């Protein structure tokens, strides 16, 4: 059986979006898998160890725009290094399941191997984390707010959390960055780990974010059909990412649009 060493020279979002590839290859039984990552990205992959997949971590910490060195050096003897980073090709940056498979196919072809997975638009997997972690109990119906600023040149949107809190008093707003808002229903959960964030988001009624990563942590099967929005982008020019059948994700440009989105979807959720 062929032994693949899967790693990413990209950023944390490349590592996260490669999870469905790892899972599908493992389930196919067509190859043995070892994973590699920068040491600060190990948590995004650690749950695969419970499935019998070996994880090798570099001493290097990922730079803002990717790994500081080619992690292929971690590959075990006899393993075929496969870089799953989306950013290595100019035409695979939509961060879709189709792109994930295209990146894999090109890497396999480069070493003389045939494709191992087929794209099916009716069967788009999510980025689920299998890790069993403790998360805080929710006292009331809650809305997830991914309000962290990250290395995205378009990610300058600022949620008016005070406005949201006063408009929707019967809901708590869980913020992944210190909200600095003196409202009893605006709560900070910044101290939690990325996997805890993913699991806690599954308990929320609605999901708001600003960038693909870390908002992609909410892309789980439980959250598949929940109302969700990426905020601060022009919907006329910003494409969806990780699209799938019945994807409810909306692209919103303004705070007014966010308030309208929350209002219209909360009515549906509480019926």
Protein backbone atom coordinates (compact mmCIF):
# COMPACT_ATOMS: atom_id res chain seq x y z
CA UNK A 1 0.00 0.00 0.00
CA UNK A 2 1.30 3.44 -0.91
CA UNK A 3 2.31 5.68 1.98
CA UNK A 4 1.37 9.37 1.59
CA UNK A 5 2.85 12.15 3.70
CA UNK A 6 0.26 14.93 3.61
CA UNK A 7 1.31 18.39 4.73
CA UNK A 8 0.68 22.03 3.92
CA UNK A 9 3.08 24.86 3.20
CA UNK A 10 0.14 27.26 3.46
CA UNK A 11 -1.56 28.99 6.35
CA UNK A 12 -3.88 27.67 9.05
CA UNK A 13 -6.81 27.85 6.64
CA UNK A 14 -5.00 25.54 4.21
CA UNK A 15 -4.46 23.07 7.04
CA UNK A 16 -8.11 23.27 8.13
CA UNK A 17 -9.56 22.99 4.61
CA UNK A 18 -7.39 19.93 3.91
CA UNK A 19 -9.15 17.97 6.65
CA UNK A 20 -11.83 16.48 4.35
CA UNK A 21 -9.09 15.26 1.99
CA UNK A 22 -7.32 13.49 4.85
CA UNK A 23 -10.55 11.93 6.07
CA UNK A 24 -11.72 10.75 2.63
CA UNK A 25 -8.31 9.26 1.75
CA UNK A 26 -8.19 7.46 5.08
CA UNK A 27 -11.71 6.10 4.62
CA UNK A 28 -10.90 4.93 1.08
CA UNK A 29 -8.34 2.44 2.35
CA UNK A 30 -6.23 3.09 -0.74
CA UNK A 31 -3.24 4.49 1.10
CA UNK A 32 -1.48 4.79 4.42
CA UNK A 33 -1.30 8.37 5.70
CA UNK A 34 1.14 10.36 7.81
CA UNK A 35 0.42 14.03 8.45
CA UNK A 36 2.86 16.91 8.89
CA UNK A 37 2.34 20.45 10.18
CA UNK A 38 3.98 23.39 11.86
CA UNK A 39 3.83 22.92 15.63
CA UNK A 40 1.23 25.67 16.11
CA UNK A 41 -1.14 23.90 13.68
CA UNK A 42 -0.98 20.51 15.35
CA UNK A 43 -4.28 21.01 17.15
CA UNK A 44 -6.11 21.35 13.83
CA UNK A 45 -5.09 17.78 12.97
CA UNK A 46 -4.55 16.04 16.30
CA UNK A 47 -7.90 14.23 16.34
CA UNK A 48 -6.76 12.17 13.34
CA UNK A 49 -4.31 10.39 15.66
CA UNK A 50 -7.30 8.64 17.25
CA UNK A 51 -8.09 7.23 13.81
CA UNK A 52 -4.65 5.66 13.53
CA UNK A 53 -2.99 8.42 11.49
CA UNK A 54 0.51 9.50 12.56
CA UNK A 55 1.06 13.25 13.04
CA UNK A 56 4.56 14.72 12.77
CA UNK A 57 5.10 18.31 13.91
CA UNK A 58 7.91 20.62 12.89
CA UNK A 59 9.66 22.80 15.45
CA UNK A 60 8.83 25.72 13.15
CA UNK A 61 5.96 28.12 13.80
CA UNK A 62 3.87 29.10 10.77
CA UNK A 63 4.46 32.61 9.44
CA UNK A 64 1.46 34.84 8.57
CA UNK A 65 1.51 33.73 4.93
CA UNK A 66 2.56 30.12 5.29
CA UNK A 67 5.14 27.69 6.60
CA UNK A 68 8.67 29.16 6.83
CA UNK A 69 10.13 26.04 5.20
CA UNK A 70 9.01 23.10 3.09
CA UNK A 71 7.68 20.54 5.57
CA UNK A 72 8.43 17.72 3.14
CA UNK A 73 11.59 17.23 5.17
CA UNK A 74 9.44 15.56 7.85
CA UNK A 75 8.35 12.78 5.49
CA UNK A 76 9.14 9.28 6.75
CA UNK A 77 11.43 7.13 4.62
CA UNK A 78 9.41 5.65 1.76
CA UNK A 79 6.48 8.06 2.09
CA UNK A 80 5.42 10.23 -0.86
CA UNK A 81 5.26 13.95 0.13
CA UNK A 82 2.01 15.64 -0.97
CA UNK A 83 1.54 19.37 -0.36
CA UNK A 84 -2.19 20.05 0.18
CA UNK A 85 -1.83 23.85 0.24
CA UNK A 86 -4.47 25.59 -1.92
CA UNK A 87 -2.28 28.64 -2.46
CA UNK A 88 0.37 26.88 -4.49
CA UNK A 89 -1.77 27.21 -7.64
CA UNK A 90 -3.31 30.43 -8.94
CA UNK A 91 -6.54 28.70 -9.95
CA UNK A 92 -7.23 26.77 -6.72
CA UNK A 93 -7.84 29.61 -4.29
CA UNK A 94 -11.61 29.44 -4.01
CA UNK A 95 -11.16 27.01 -1.11
CA UNK A 96 -13.80 24.60 -2.33
CA UNK A 97 -14.04 20.82 -2.20
CA UNK A 98 -13.44 20.83 -5.96
CA UNK A 99 -10.22 22.80 -5.40
CA UNK A 100 -9.11 20.47 -2.61
CA UNK A 101 -9.40 17.47 -4.92
CA UNK A 102 -7.72 19.36 -7.79
CA UNK A 103 -4.73 20.21 -5.58
CA UNK A 104 -4.46 16.57 -4.53
CA UNK A 105 -4.72 15.29 -8.11
CA UNK A 106 -1.98 17.62 -9.36
CA UNK A 107 0.33 16.64 -6.53
CA UNK A 108 -0.29 12.95 -7.17
CA UNK A 109 0.24 13.39 -10.91
CA UNK A 110 3.55 15.16 -10.27
CA UNK A 111 4.92 11.97 -8.73
CA UNK A 112 3.32 9.64 -11.29
CA UNK A 113 0.30 8.54 -9.25
CA UNK A 114 -3.31 8.26 -10.42
CA UNK A 115 -6.16 10.27 -8.84
CA UNK A 116 -7.55 8.76 -5.64
CA UNK A 117 -10.74 10.77 -5.06
CA UNK A 118 -13.57 11.92 -7.32
CA UNK A 119 -15.47 15.19 -7.06
CA UNK A 120 -19.22 14.95 -6.57
CA UNK A 121 -21.07 18.23 -6.07
CA UNK A 122 -23.84 16.34 -4.24
CA UNK A 123 -21.39 14.99 -1.67
CA UNK A 124 -19.35 17.85 -0.20
CA UNK A 125 -17.88 16.90 3.19
CA UNK A 126 -17.53 19.37 6.04
CA UNK A 127 -14.47 20.11 8.19
CA UNK A 128 -15.70 18.30 11.31
CA UNK A 129 -13.37 17.86 14.27
CA UNK A 130 -13.69 14.51 16.02
CA UNK A 131 -11.94 15.65 19.20
CA UNK A 132 -14.00 15.31 22.37
CA UNK A 133 -13.51 18.58 24.26
CA UNK A 134 -15.37 20.33 27.04
CA UNK A 135 -17.17 23.56 26.17
CA UNK A 136 -19.14 25.95 28.39
CA UNK A 137 -22.86 25.39 28.77
CA UNK A 138 -25.06 28.02 27.17
CA UNK A 139 -27.56 29.73 29.44
CA UNK A 140 -29.68 31.11 26.57
CA UNK A 141 -30.07 30.84 22.80
CA UNK A 142 -26.85 32.22 21.34
CA UNK A 143 -25.32 33.72 18.22
CA UNK A 144 -21.74 32.99 17.21
CA UNK A 145 -19.61 36.05 16.35
CA UNK A 146 -16.18 35.36 14.86
CA UNK A 147 -14.79 38.87 15.42
CA UNK A 148 -11.05 38.21 15.37
CA UNK A 149 -8.89 40.29 13.05
CA UNK A 150 -6.67 38.09 10.92
CA UNK A 151 -4.18 38.37 8.04
CA UNK A 152 -6.76 39.19 5.38
CA UNK A 153 -6.41 42.45 3.48
CA UNK A 154 -10.21 42.71 3.28
CA UNK A 155 -10.84 41.82 6.92
CA UNK A 156 -11.42 45.25 8.39
CA UNK A 157 -15.10 44.91 9.24
CA UNK A 158 -16.06 45.77 12.83
CA UNK A 159 -19.24 44.37 14.34
CA UNK A 160 -21.37 46.88 16.22
CA UNK A 161 -21.89 44.48 19.10
CA UNK A 162 -23.71 47.03 21.21
CA UNK A 163 -26.29 47.49 18.48
CA UNK A 164 -26.74 43.75 18.10
CA UNK A 165 -27.03 43.23 21.84
CA UNK A 166 -29.66 45.96 22.28
CA UNK A 167 -31.64 44.88 19.22
CA UNK A 168 -31.75 41.20 20.16
CA UNK A 169 -31.99 41.18 23.94
CA UNK A 170 -33.21 37.59 24.20
CA UNK A 171 -30.01 36.19 22.63
CA UNK A 172 -26.43 36.00 23.85
CA UNK A 173 -23.60 36.90 21.47
CA UNK A 174 -20.51 34.71 21.84
CA UNK A 175 -17.43 36.61 20.64
CA UNK A 176 -14.09 34.95 19.88
CA UNK A 177 -12.22 38.22 20.56
CA UNK A 178 -12.65 40.41 23.64
CA UNK A 179 -15.80 42.38 22.72
CA UNK A 180 -15.11 45.44 24.92
CA UNK A 181 -18.85 46.04 25.10
CA UNK A 182 -20.69 46.62 28.36
CA UNK A 183 -23.82 44.62 27.55
CA UNK A 184 -24.90 41.61 29.63
CA UNK A 185 -25.67 39.50 26.56
CA UNK A 186 -22.28 40.04 24.87
CA UNK A 187 -19.90 37.33 26.10
CA UNK A 188 -16.25 36.68 25.34
CA UNK A 189 -14.97 33.17 24.63
CA UNK A 190 -11.48 34.15 23.46
CA UNK A 191 -9.77 31.86 25.99
CA UNK A 192 -11.09 28.72 24.32
CA UNK A 193 -9.06 26.68 21.82
CA UNK A 194 -9.93 26.55 18.10
CA UNK A 195 -11.51 23.11 18.53
CA UNK A 196 -13.57 24.32 21.48
CA UNK A 197 -14.69 27.24 19.32
CA UNK A 198 -15.81 24.83 16.62
CA UNK A 199 -17.75 22.68 19.08
CA UNK A 200 -19.33 25.66 20.84
CA UNK A 201 -20.45 27.16 17.53
CA UNK A 202 -22.50 24.00 16.98
CA UNK A 203 -24.69 25.00 19.93
CA UNK A 204 -25.50 28.41 18.47
CA UNK A 205 -28.54 29.41 16.42
CA UNK A 206 -26.76 31.55 13.86
CA UNK A 207 -23.14 32.17 12.76
CA UNK A 208 -21.42 35.46 11.89
CA UNK A 209 -17.83 35.79 10.68
CA UNK A 210 -15.37 38.02 8.82
CA UNK A 211 -12.79 35.76 7.13
CA UNK A 212 -12.51 32.19 5.81
CA UNK A 213 -10.21 31.36 8.69
CA UNK A 214 -11.06 31.13 11.53
CA UNK A 215 -14.74 31.19 10.43
CA UNK A 216 -14.18 27.88 8.61
CA UNK A 217 -13.98 26.24 12.06
CA UNK A 218 -17.78 26.47 12.07
CA UNK A 219 -18.07 24.43 8.85
CA UNK A 220 -19.28 21.25 10.50
CA UNK A 221 -22.08 18.84 9.66
CA UNK A 222 -24.10 20.13 12.61
CA UNK A 223 -23.81 23.68 11.24
CA UNK A 224 -24.29 22.77 7.57
CA UNK A 225 -27.75 24.31 7.16
CA UNK A 226 -27.68 26.94 9.90
CA UNK A 227 -27.97 30.61 8.89
CA UNK A 228 -24.46 32.01 8.48
CA UNK A 229 -22.89 35.13 7.03
CA UNK A 230 -19.49 36.52 6.13
CA UNK A 231 -19.52 40.22 6.94
CA UNK A 232 -17.71 43.21 5.48
CA UNK A 233 -17.62 42.07 1.85
CA UNK A 234 -19.38 43.20 -1.30
CA UNK A 235 -21.67 40.31 -2.32
CA UNK A 236 -21.39 41.42 -5.97
CA UNK A 237 -17.65 40.72 -6.06
CA UNK A 238 -16.97 38.25 -3.24
CA UNK A 239 -17.57 34.57 -4.10
CA UNK A 240 -18.77 31.94 -1.67
CA UNK A 241 -16.20 29.53 -0.29
CA UNK A 242 -16.65 25.80 0.43
CA UNK A 243 -19.93 25.92 -1.44
CA UNK A 244 -22.37 23.01 -1.41
CA UNK A 245 -26.00 22.19 -2.13
CA UNK A 246 -28.36 24.28 0.01
CA UNK A 247 -25.47 26.33 1.38
CA UNK A 248 -27.12 29.15 3.39
CA UNK A 249 -23.98 31.32 3.59
CA UNK A 250 -24.60 34.98 2.76
CA UNK A 251 -22.08 37.71 1.99
CA UNK A 252 -22.94 41.01 3.71
CA UNK A 253 -21.36 44.41 3.19
CA UNK A 254 -22.71 46.59 6.00
CA UNK A 255 -23.83 46.51 9.62
CA UNK A 256 -27.37 47.35 8.53
CA UNK A 257 -27.35 44.22 6.39
CA UNK A 258 -26.07 42.18 9.34
CA UNK A 259 -28.92 43.38 11.58
CA UNK A 260 -31.48 42.59 8.87
CA UNK A 261 -29.92 39.17 8.34
CA UNK A 262 -30.02 38.31 12.05
CA UNK A 263 -33.59 39.58 12.42
CA UNK A 264 -34.95 37.65 9.46
CA UNK A 265 -33.21 34.40 10.34
CA UNK A 266 -33.93 34.46 14.07
CA UNK A 267 -37.63 34.65 13.30
CA UNK A 268 -37.25 31.40 11.34
CA UNK A 269 -35.09 29.70 13.97
CA UNK A 270 -37.43 30.33 16.90
CA UNK A 271 -40.61 29.23 15.11
